[in-house]
Amino acid sequence: GFRPGRSTRMAMRRVKAHLEEGYTWVVDV
């Protein structure tokens, strides 16, 4: 958030990558 060259879309890509790696339990804070 609020960093040059970064975006919400990039954040969601990271979420997707972790889920596909098997990190399927989520702590929603």
PDB file of all heavy atoms in Angstrom:
ATOM      1  N   GLY A   1       0.799  -1.218   0.000  1.00  0.00           N
ATOM      2  CA  GLY A   1       0.000   0.000   0.000  1.00  0.00           C
ATOM      3  C   GLY A   1       0.830   1.266   0.000  1.00  0.00           C
ATOM      4  O   GLY A   1       1.804   1.393   0.752  1.00  0.00           O
ATOM      5  N   PHE A   2       0.457   2.237  -0.850  1.00  0.00           N
ATOM      6  CA  PHE A   2       1.070   3.564  -0.878  1.00  0.00           C
ATOM      7  C   PHE A   2       2.583   3.493  -1.070  1.00  0.00           C
ATOM      8  O   PHE A   2       3.342   4.217  -0.434  1.00  0.00           O
ATOM      9  CB  PHE A   2       0.735   4.333   0.401  1.00  0.00           C
ATOM     10  CG  PHE A   2      -0.731   4.405   0.690  1.00  0.00           C
ATOM     11  CD1 PHE A   2      -1.290   3.677   1.727  1.00  0.00           C
ATOM     12  CD2 PHE A   2      -1.565   5.173  -0.096  1.00  0.00           C
ATOM     13  CE1 PHE A   2      -2.654   3.727   1.982  1.00  0.00           C
ATOM     14  CE2 PHE A   2      -2.929   5.236   0.153  1.00  0.00           C
ATOM     15  CZ  PHE A   2      -3.466   4.510   1.191  1.00  0.00           C
ATOM     16  N   ARG A   3       2.999   2.604  -1.968  1.00  0.00           N
ATOM     17  CA  ARG A   3       4.415   2.477  -2.290  1.00  0.00           C
ATOM     18  C   ARG A   3       4.597   2.556  -3.801  1.00  0.00           C
ATOM     19  O   ARG A   3       3.765   2.039  -4.548  1.00  0.00           O
ATOM     20  CB  ARG A   3       4.981   1.157  -1.753  1.00  0.00           C
ATOM     21  CG  ARG A   3       4.975   1.058  -0.242  1.00  0.00           C
ATOM     22  CD  ARG A   3       5.573  -0.254   0.225  1.00  0.00           C
ATOM     23  NE  ARG A   3       6.940  -0.417  -0.236  1.00  0.00           N
ATOM     24  CZ  ARG A   3       7.633  -1.563  -0.137  1.00  0.00           C
ATOM     25  NH1 ARG A   3       7.056  -2.626   0.389  1.00  0.00           N
ATOM     26  NH2 ARG A   3       8.877  -1.626  -0.586  1.00  0.00           N
ATOM     27  N   PRO A   4       5.672   3.186  -4.265  1.00  0.00           N
ATOM     28  CA  PRO A   4       5.878   3.327  -5.717  1.00  0.00           C
ATOM     29  C   PRO A   4       6.018   1.972  -6.399  1.00  0.00           C
ATOM     30  O   PRO A   4       6.713   1.071  -5.904  1.00  0.00           O
ATOM     31  CB  PRO A   4       7.177   4.144  -5.812  1.00  0.00           C
ATOM     32  CG  PRO A   4       7.848   4.002  -4.484  1.00  0.00           C
ATOM     33  CD  PRO A   4       6.750   3.831  -3.484  1.00  0.00           C
ATOM     34  N   GLY A   5       5.351   1.822  -7.529  1.00  0.00           N
ATOM     35  CA  GLY A   5       5.460   0.602  -8.308  1.00  0.00           C
ATOM     36  C   GLY A   5       4.718  -0.579  -7.731  1.00  0.00           C
ATOM     37  O   GLY A   5       4.925  -1.723  -8.169  1.00  0.00           O
ATOM     38  N   ARG A   6       3.836  -0.331  -6.740  1.00  0.00           N
ATOM     39  CA  ARG A   6       3.085  -1.429  -6.128  1.00  0.00           C
ATOM     40  C   ARG A   6       1.599  -1.113  -6.178  1.00  0.00           C
ATOM     41  O   ARG A   6       1.202   0.042  -6.266  1.00  0.00           O
ATOM     42  CB  ARG A   6       3.546  -1.668  -4.690  1.00  0.00           C
ATOM     43  CG  ARG A   6       4.936  -2.267  -4.668  1.00  0.00           C
ATOM     44  CD  ARG A   6       5.496  -2.440  -3.276  1.00  0.00           C
ATOM     45  NE  ARG A   6       6.649  -3.322  -3.384  1.00  0.00           N
ATOM     46  CZ  ARG A   6       6.649  -4.602  -3.044  1.00  0.00           C
ATOM     47  NH1 ARG A   6       5.561  -5.156  -2.554  1.00  0.00           N
ATOM     48  NH2 ARG A   6       7.722  -5.337  -3.199  1.00  0.00           N
ATOM     49  N   SER A   7       0.775  -2.156  -6.101  1.00  0.00           N
ATOM     50  CA  SER A   7      -0.652  -1.958  -6.309  1.00  0.00           C
ATOM     51  C   SER A   7      -1.453  -3.047  -5.617  1.00  0.00           C
ATOM     52  O   SER A   7      -0.908  -4.064  -5.169  1.00  0.00           O
ATOM     53  CB  SER A   7      -0.969  -1.996  -7.814  1.00  0.00           C
ATOM     54  OG  SER A   7      -0.689  -3.295  -8.335  1.00  0.00           O
ATOM     55  N   THR A   8      -2.757  -2.826  -5.559  1.00  0.00           N
ATOM     56  CA  THR A   8      -3.643  -3.850  -5.009  1.00  0.00           C
ATOM     57  C   THR A   8      -3.605  -5.113  -5.865  1.00  0.00           C
ATOM     58  O   THR A   8      -3.701  -6.218  -5.342  1.00  0.00           O
ATOM     59  CB  THR A   8      -5.083  -3.329  -4.940  1.00  0.00           C
ATOM     60  OG1 THR A   8      -5.474  -2.840  -6.231  1.00  0.00           O
ATOM     61  CG2 THR A   8      -5.215  -2.208  -3.923  1.00  0.00           C
ATOM     62  N   ARG A   9      -3.471  -4.936  -7.172  1.00  0.00           N
ATOM     63  CA  ARG A   9      -3.429  -6.116  -8.050  1.00  0.00           C
ATOM     64  C   ARG A   9      -2.217  -6.989  -7.734  1.00  0.00           C
ATOM     65  O   ARG A   9      -2.305  -8.223  -7.714  1.00  0.00           O
ATOM     66  CB  ARG A   9      -3.409  -5.684  -9.513  1.00  0.00           C
ATOM     67  CG  ARG A   9      -3.482  -6.849 -10.485  1.00  0.00           C
ATOM     68  CD  ARG A   9      -3.689  -6.393 -11.918  1.00  0.00           C
ATOM     69  NE  ARG A   9      -4.983  -5.757 -12.095  1.00  0.00           N
ATOM     70  CZ  ARG A   9      -5.449  -5.373 -13.278  1.00  0.00           C
ATOM     71  NH1 ARG A   9      -4.729  -5.551 -14.369  1.00  0.00           N
ATOM     72  NH2 ARG A   9      -6.634  -4.811 -13.373  1.00  0.00           N
ATOM     73  N   MET A  10      -1.072  -6.361  -7.458  1.00  0.00           N
ATOM     74  CA  MET A  10       0.119  -7.120  -7.091  1.00  0.00           C
ATOM     75  C   MET A  10      -0.085  -7.841  -5.762  1.00  0.00           C
ATOM     76  O   MET A  10       0.359  -8.978  -5.582  1.00  0.00           O
ATOM     77  CB  MET A  10       1.325  -6.186  -7.007  1.00  0.00           C
ATOM     78  CG  MET A  10       1.749  -5.598  -8.341  1.00  0.00           C
ATOM     79  SD  MET A  10       3.054  -4.356  -8.153  1.00  0.00           S
ATOM     80  CE  MET A  10       4.415  -5.375  -7.590  1.00  0.00           C
ATOM     81  N   ALA A  11      -0.766  -7.184  -4.837  1.00  0.00           N
ATOM     82  CA  ALA A  11      -1.051  -7.813  -3.549  1.00  0.00           C
ATOM     83  C   ALA A  11      -1.924  -9.055  -3.734  1.00  0.00           C
ATOM     84  O   ALA A  11      -1.690 -10.101  -3.112  1.00  0.00           O
ATOM     85  CB  ALA A  11      -1.738  -6.815  -2.616  1.00  0.00           C
ATOM     86  N   MET A  12      -2.925  -8.960  -4.606  1.00  0.00           N
ATOM     87  CA  MET A  12      -3.804 -10.108  -4.842  1.00  0.00           C
ATOM     88  C   MET A  12      -3.069 -11.238  -5.558  1.00  0.00           C
ATOM     89  O   MET A  12      -3.354 -12.418  -5.336  1.00  0.00           O
ATOM     90  CB  MET A  12      -5.033  -9.672  -5.633  1.00  0.00           C
ATOM     91  CG  MET A  12      -5.957  -8.720  -4.884  1.00  0.00           C
ATOM     92  SD  MET A  12      -6.456  -9.303  -3.237  1.00  0.00           S
ATOM     93  CE  MET A  12      -7.325 -10.825  -3.649  1.00  0.00           C
ATOM     94  N   ARG A  13      -2.113 -10.898  -6.408  1.00  0.00           N
ATOM     95  CA  ARG A  13      -1.300 -11.939  -7.035  1.00  0.00           C
ATOM     96  C   ARG A  13      -0.503 -12.707  -5.984  1.00  0.00           C
ATOM     97  O   ARG A  13      -0.350 -13.927  -6.057  1.00  0.00           O
ATOM     98  CB  ARG A  13      -0.348 -11.320  -8.061  1.00  0.00           C
ATOM     99  CG  ARG A  13      -1.009 -10.882  -9.357  1.00  0.00           C
ATOM    100  CD  ARG A  13       0.010 -10.234 -10.266  1.00  0.00           C
ATOM    101  NE  ARG A  13      -0.590  -9.741 -11.492  1.00  0.00           N
ATOM    102  CZ  ARG A  13      -0.003  -8.910 -12.327  1.00  0.00           C
ATOM    103  NH1 ARG A  13       1.219  -8.463 -12.057  1.00  0.00           N
ATOM    104  NH2 ARG A  13      -0.614  -8.510 -13.427  1.00  0.00           N
ATOM    105  N   ARG A  14       0.019 -11.955  -5.009  1.00  0.00           N
ATOM    106  CA  ARG A  14       0.774 -12.616  -3.938  1.00  0.00           C
ATOM    107  C   ARG A  14      -0.144 -13.535  -3.133  1.00  0.00           C
ATOM    108  O   ARG A  14       0.234 -14.647  -2.770  1.00  0.00           O
ATOM    109  CB  ARG A  14       1.422 -11.566  -3.036  1.00  0.00           C
ATOM    110  CG  ARG A  14       2.093 -12.117  -1.771  1.00  0.00           C
ATOM    111  CD  ARG A  14       3.301 -12.974  -2.092  1.00  0.00           C
ATOM    112  NE  ARG A  14       4.419 -12.173  -2.528  1.00  0.00           N
ATOM    113  CZ  ARG A  14       5.334 -11.640  -1.714  1.00  0.00           C
ATOM    114  NH1 ARG A  14       5.231 -11.797  -0.415  1.00  0.00           N
ATOM    115  NH2 ARG A  14       6.354 -10.957  -2.202  1.00  0.00           N
ATOM    116  N   VAL A  15      -1.360 -13.077  -2.828  1.00  0.00           N
ATOM    117  CA  VAL A  15      -2.322 -13.915  -2.116  1.00  0.00           C
ATOM    118  C   VAL A  15      -2.590 -15.197  -2.909  1.00  0.00           C
ATOM    119  O   VAL A  15      -2.568 -16.304  -2.360  1.00  0.00           O
ATOM    120  CB  VAL A  15      -3.642 -13.155  -1.879  1.00  0.00           C
ATOM    121  CG1 VAL A  15      -4.748 -14.102  -1.402  1.00  0.00           C
ATOM    122  CG2 VAL A  15      -3.438 -12.037  -0.859  1.00  0.00           C
ATOM    123  N   LYS A  16      -2.836 -15.048  -4.191  1.00  0.00           N
ATOM    124  CA  LYS A  16      -3.116 -16.202  -5.057  1.00  0.00           C
ATOM    125  C   LYS A  16      -1.946 -17.186  -5.057  1.00  0.00           C
ATOM    126  O   LYS A  16      -2.133 -18.405  -4.954  1.00  0.00           O
ATOM    127  CB  LYS A  16      -3.401 -15.721  -6.481  1.00  0.00           C
ATOM    128  CG  LYS A  16      -3.703 -16.833  -7.486  1.00  0.00           C
ATOM    129  CD  LYS A  16      -4.082 -16.227  -8.827  1.00  0.00           C
ATOM    130  CE  LYS A  16      -4.479 -17.300  -9.834  1.00  0.00           C
ATOM    131  NZ  LYS A  16      -3.292 -18.055 -10.314  1.00  0.00           N
ATOM    132  N   ALA A  17      -0.725 -16.651  -5.147  1.00  0.00           N
ATOM    133  CA  ALA A  17       0.455 -17.510  -5.170  1.00  0.00           C
ATOM    134  C   ALA A  17       0.573 -18.316  -3.878  1.00  0.00           C
ATOM    135  O   ALA A  17       0.839 -19.527  -3.905  1.00  0.00           O
ATOM    136  CB  ALA A  17       1.708 -16.662  -5.387  1.00  0.00           C
ATOM    137  N   HIS A  18       0.364 -17.672  -2.730  1.00  0.00           N
ATOM    138  CA  HIS A  18       0.463 -18.376  -1.449  1.00  0.00           C
ATOM    139  C   HIS A  18      -0.626 -19.445  -1.325  1.00  0.00           C
ATOM    140  O   HIS A  18      -0.376 -20.548  -0.827  1.00  0.00           O
ATOM    141  CB  HIS A  18       0.360 -17.389  -0.293  1.00  0.00           C
ATOM    142  CG  HIS A  18       1.591 -16.549  -0.110  1.00  0.00           C
ATOM    143  ND1 HIS A  18       2.856 -16.998  -0.384  1.00  0.00           N
ATOM    144  CD2 HIS A  18       1.736 -15.266   0.330  1.00  0.00           C
ATOM    145  CE1 HIS A  18       3.733 -16.052  -0.117  1.00  0.00           C
ATOM    146  NE2 HIS A  18       3.078 -14.986   0.312  1.00  0.00           N
ATOM    147  N   LEU A  19      -1.837 -19.135  -1.756  1.00  0.00           N
ATOM    148  CA  LEU A  19      -2.917 -20.120  -1.699  1.00  0.00           C
ATOM    149  C   LEU A  19      -2.581 -21.336  -2.553  1.00  0.00           C
ATOM    150  O   LEU A  19      -2.804 -22.485  -2.140  1.00  0.00           O
ATOM    151  CB  LEU A  19      -4.232 -19.487  -2.168  1.00  0.00           C
ATOM    152  CG  LEU A  19      -4.850 -18.427  -1.247  1.00  0.00           C
ATOM    153  CD1 LEU A  19      -6.018 -17.734  -1.942  1.00  0.00           C
ATOM    154  CD2 LEU A  19      -5.323 -19.056   0.063  1.00  0.00           C
ATOM    155  N   GLU A  20      -2.036 -21.099  -3.734  1.00  0.00           N
ATOM    156  CA  GLU A  20      -1.686 -22.209  -4.625  1.00  0.00           C
ATOM    157  C   GLU A  20      -0.512 -23.019  -4.098  1.00  0.00           C
ATOM    158  O   GLU A  20      -0.347 -24.185  -4.450  1.00  0.00           O
ATOM    159  CB  GLU A  20      -1.384 -21.673  -6.024  1.00  0.00           C
ATOM    160  CG  GLU A  20      -2.630 -21.143  -6.733  1.00  0.00           C
ATOM    161  CD  GLU A  20      -2.322 -20.538  -8.093  1.00  0.00           C
ATOM    162  OE1 GLU A  20      -1.144 -20.143  -8.311  1.00  0.00           O
ATOM    163  OE2 GLU A  20      -3.241 -20.458  -8.926  1.00  0.00           O
ATOM    164  N   GLU A  21       0.300 -22.406  -3.221  1.00  0.00           N
ATOM    165  CA  GLU A  21       1.415 -23.121  -2.591  1.00  0.00           C
ATOM    166  C   GLU A  21       0.952 -23.975  -1.417  1.00  0.00           C
ATOM    167  O   GLU A  21       1.752 -24.706  -0.828  1.00  0.00           O
ATOM    168  CB  GLU A  21       2.464 -22.116  -2.110  1.00  0.00           C
ATOM    169  CG  GLU A  21       3.216 -21.413  -3.229  1.00  0.00           C
ATOM    170  CD  GLU A  21       3.977 -20.188  -2.742  1.00  0.00           C
ATOM    171  OE1 GLU A  21       3.882 -19.883  -1.519  1.00  0.00           O
ATOM    172  OE2 GLU A  21       4.650 -19.538  -3.555  1.00  0.00           O
ATOM    173  N   GLY A  22      -0.323 -23.876  -1.055  1.00  0.00           N
ATOM    174  CA  GLY A  22      -0.853 -24.689   0.035  1.00  0.00           C
ATOM    175  C   GLY A  22      -1.100 -23.949   1.328  1.00  0.00           C
ATOM    176  O   GLY A  22      -1.475 -24.565   2.338  1.00  0.00           O
ATOM    177  N   TYR A  23      -0.931 -22.637   1.323  1.00  0.00           N
ATOM    178  CA  TYR A  23      -1.186 -21.831   2.524  1.00  0.00           C
ATOM    179  C   TYR A  23      -2.652 -21.404   2.497  1.00  0.00           C
ATOM    180  O   TYR A  23      -2.989 -20.270   2.139  1.00  0.00           O
ATOM    181  CB  TYR A  23      -0.236 -20.641   2.577  1.00  0.00           C
ATOM    182  CG  TYR A  23       1.210 -21.067   2.694  1.00  0.00           C
ATOM    183  CD1 TYR A  23       1.969 -21.338   1.553  1.00  0.00           C
ATOM    184  CD2 TYR A  23       1.798 -21.249   3.942  1.00  0.00           C
ATOM    185  CE1 TYR A  23       3.291 -21.763   1.653  1.00  0.00           C
ATOM    186  CE2 TYR A  23       3.113 -21.669   4.058  1.00  0.00           C
ATOM    187  CZ  TYR A  23       3.850 -21.931   2.909  1.00  0.00           C
ATOM    188  OH  TYR A  23       5.149 -22.351   3.022  1.00  0.00           O
ATOM    189  N   THR A  24      -3.513 -22.337   2.872  1.00  0.00           N
ATOM    190  CA  THR A  24      -4.953 -22.178   2.640  1.00  0.00           C
ATOM    191  C   THR A  24      -5.746 -21.798   3.884  1.00  0.00           C
ATOM    192  O   THR A  24      -6.966 -21.635   3.812  1.00  0.00           O
ATOM    193  CB  THR A  24      -5.526 -23.477   2.050  1.00  0.00           C
ATOM    194  OG1 THR A  24      -5.190 -24.575   2.915  1.00  0.00           O
ATOM    195  CG2 THR A  24      -4.955 -23.738   0.662  1.00  0.00           C
ATOM    196  N   TRP A  25      -5.066 -21.660   5.027  1.00  0.00           N
ATOM    197  CA  TRP A  25      -5.718 -21.152   6.232  1.00  0.00           C
ATOM    198  C   TRP A  25      -5.346 -19.683   6.393  1.00  0.00           C
ATOM    199  O   TRP A  25      -4.170 -19.327   6.346  1.00  0.00           O
ATOM    200  CB  TRP A  25      -5.299 -21.954   7.466  1.00  0.00           C
ATOM    201  CG  TRP A  25      -5.963 -23.291   7.514  1.00  0.00           C
ATOM    202  CD1 TRP A  25      -5.501 -24.468   7.000  1.00  0.00           C
ATOM    203  CD2 TRP A  25      -7.234 -23.584   8.099  1.00  0.00           C
ATOM    204  NE1 TRP A  25      -6.403 -25.480   7.219  1.00  0.00           N
ATOM    205  CE2 TRP A  25      -7.477 -24.964   7.897  1.00  0.00           C
ATOM    206  CE3 TRP A  25      -8.192 -22.823   8.759  1.00  0.00           C
ATOM    207  CZ2 TRP A  25      -8.638 -25.583   8.343  1.00  0.00           C
ATOM    208  CZ3 TRP A  25      -9.345 -23.437   9.216  1.00  0.00           C
ATOM    209  CH2 TRP A  25      -9.560 -24.802   9.006  1.00  0.00           C
ATOM    210  N   VAL A  26      -6.341 -18.855   6.555  1.00  0.00           N
ATOM    211  CA  VAL A  26      -6.134 -17.415   6.493  1.00  0.00           C
ATOM    212  C   VAL A  26      -6.519 -16.754   7.813  1.00  0.00           C
ATOM    213  O   VAL A  26      -7.612 -16.995   8.341  1.00  0.00           O
ATOM    214  CB  VAL A  26      -6.974 -16.803   5.347  1.00  0.00           C
ATOM    215  CG1 VAL A  26      -6.750 -15.293   5.275  1.00  0.00           C
ATOM    216  CG2 VAL A  26      -6.625 -17.467   4.016  1.00  0.00           C
ATOM    217  N   VAL A  27      -5.610 -15.928   8.332  1.00  0.00           N
ATOM    218  CA  VAL A  27      -5.944 -15.056   9.456  1.00  0.00           C
ATOM    219  C   VAL A  27      -6.316 -13.706   8.850  1.00  0.00           C
ATOM    220  O   VAL A  27      -5.465 -13.003   8.304  1.00  0.00           O
ATOM    221  CB  VAL A  27      -4.779 -14.898  10.443  1.00  0.00           C
ATOM    222  CG1 VAL A  27      -5.244 -14.128  11.681  1.00  0.00           C
ATOM    223  CG2 VAL A  27      -4.221 -16.259  10.846  1.00  0.00           C
ATOM    224  N   ASP A  28      -7.574 -13.387   8.914  1.00  0.00           N
ATOM    225  CA  ASP A  28      -8.119 -12.147   8.354  1.00  0.00           C
ATOM    226  C   ASP A  28      -8.150 -11.108   9.476  1.00  0.00           C
ATOM    227  O   ASP A  28      -8.922 -11.234  10.427  1.00  0.00           O
ATOM    228  CB  ASP A  28      -9.519 -12.417   7.807  1.00  0.00           C
ATOM    229  CG  ASP A  28     -10.116 -11.221   7.082  1.00  0.00           C
ATOM    230  OD1 ASP A  28      -9.428 -10.201   6.966  1.00  0.00           O
ATOM    231  OD2 ASP A  28     -11.272 -11.314   6.637  1.00  0.00           O
ATOM    232  N   VAL A  29      -7.293 -10.087   9.380  1.00  0.00           N
ATOM    233  CA  VAL A  29      -7.061  -9.163  10.491  1.00  0.00           C
ATOM    234  C   VAL A  29      -7.761  -7.832  10.256  1.00  0.00           C
ATOM    235  O   VAL A  29      -7.743  -7.295   9.147  1.00  0.00           O
ATOM    236  CB  VAL A  29      -5.550  -8.918  10.696  1.00  0.00           C
ATOM    237  CG1 VAL A  29      -5.302  -8.095  11.953  1.00  0.00           C
ATOM    238  CG2 VAL A  29      -4.791 -10.243  10.758  1.00  0.00           C
TER     239      VAL A  29
END
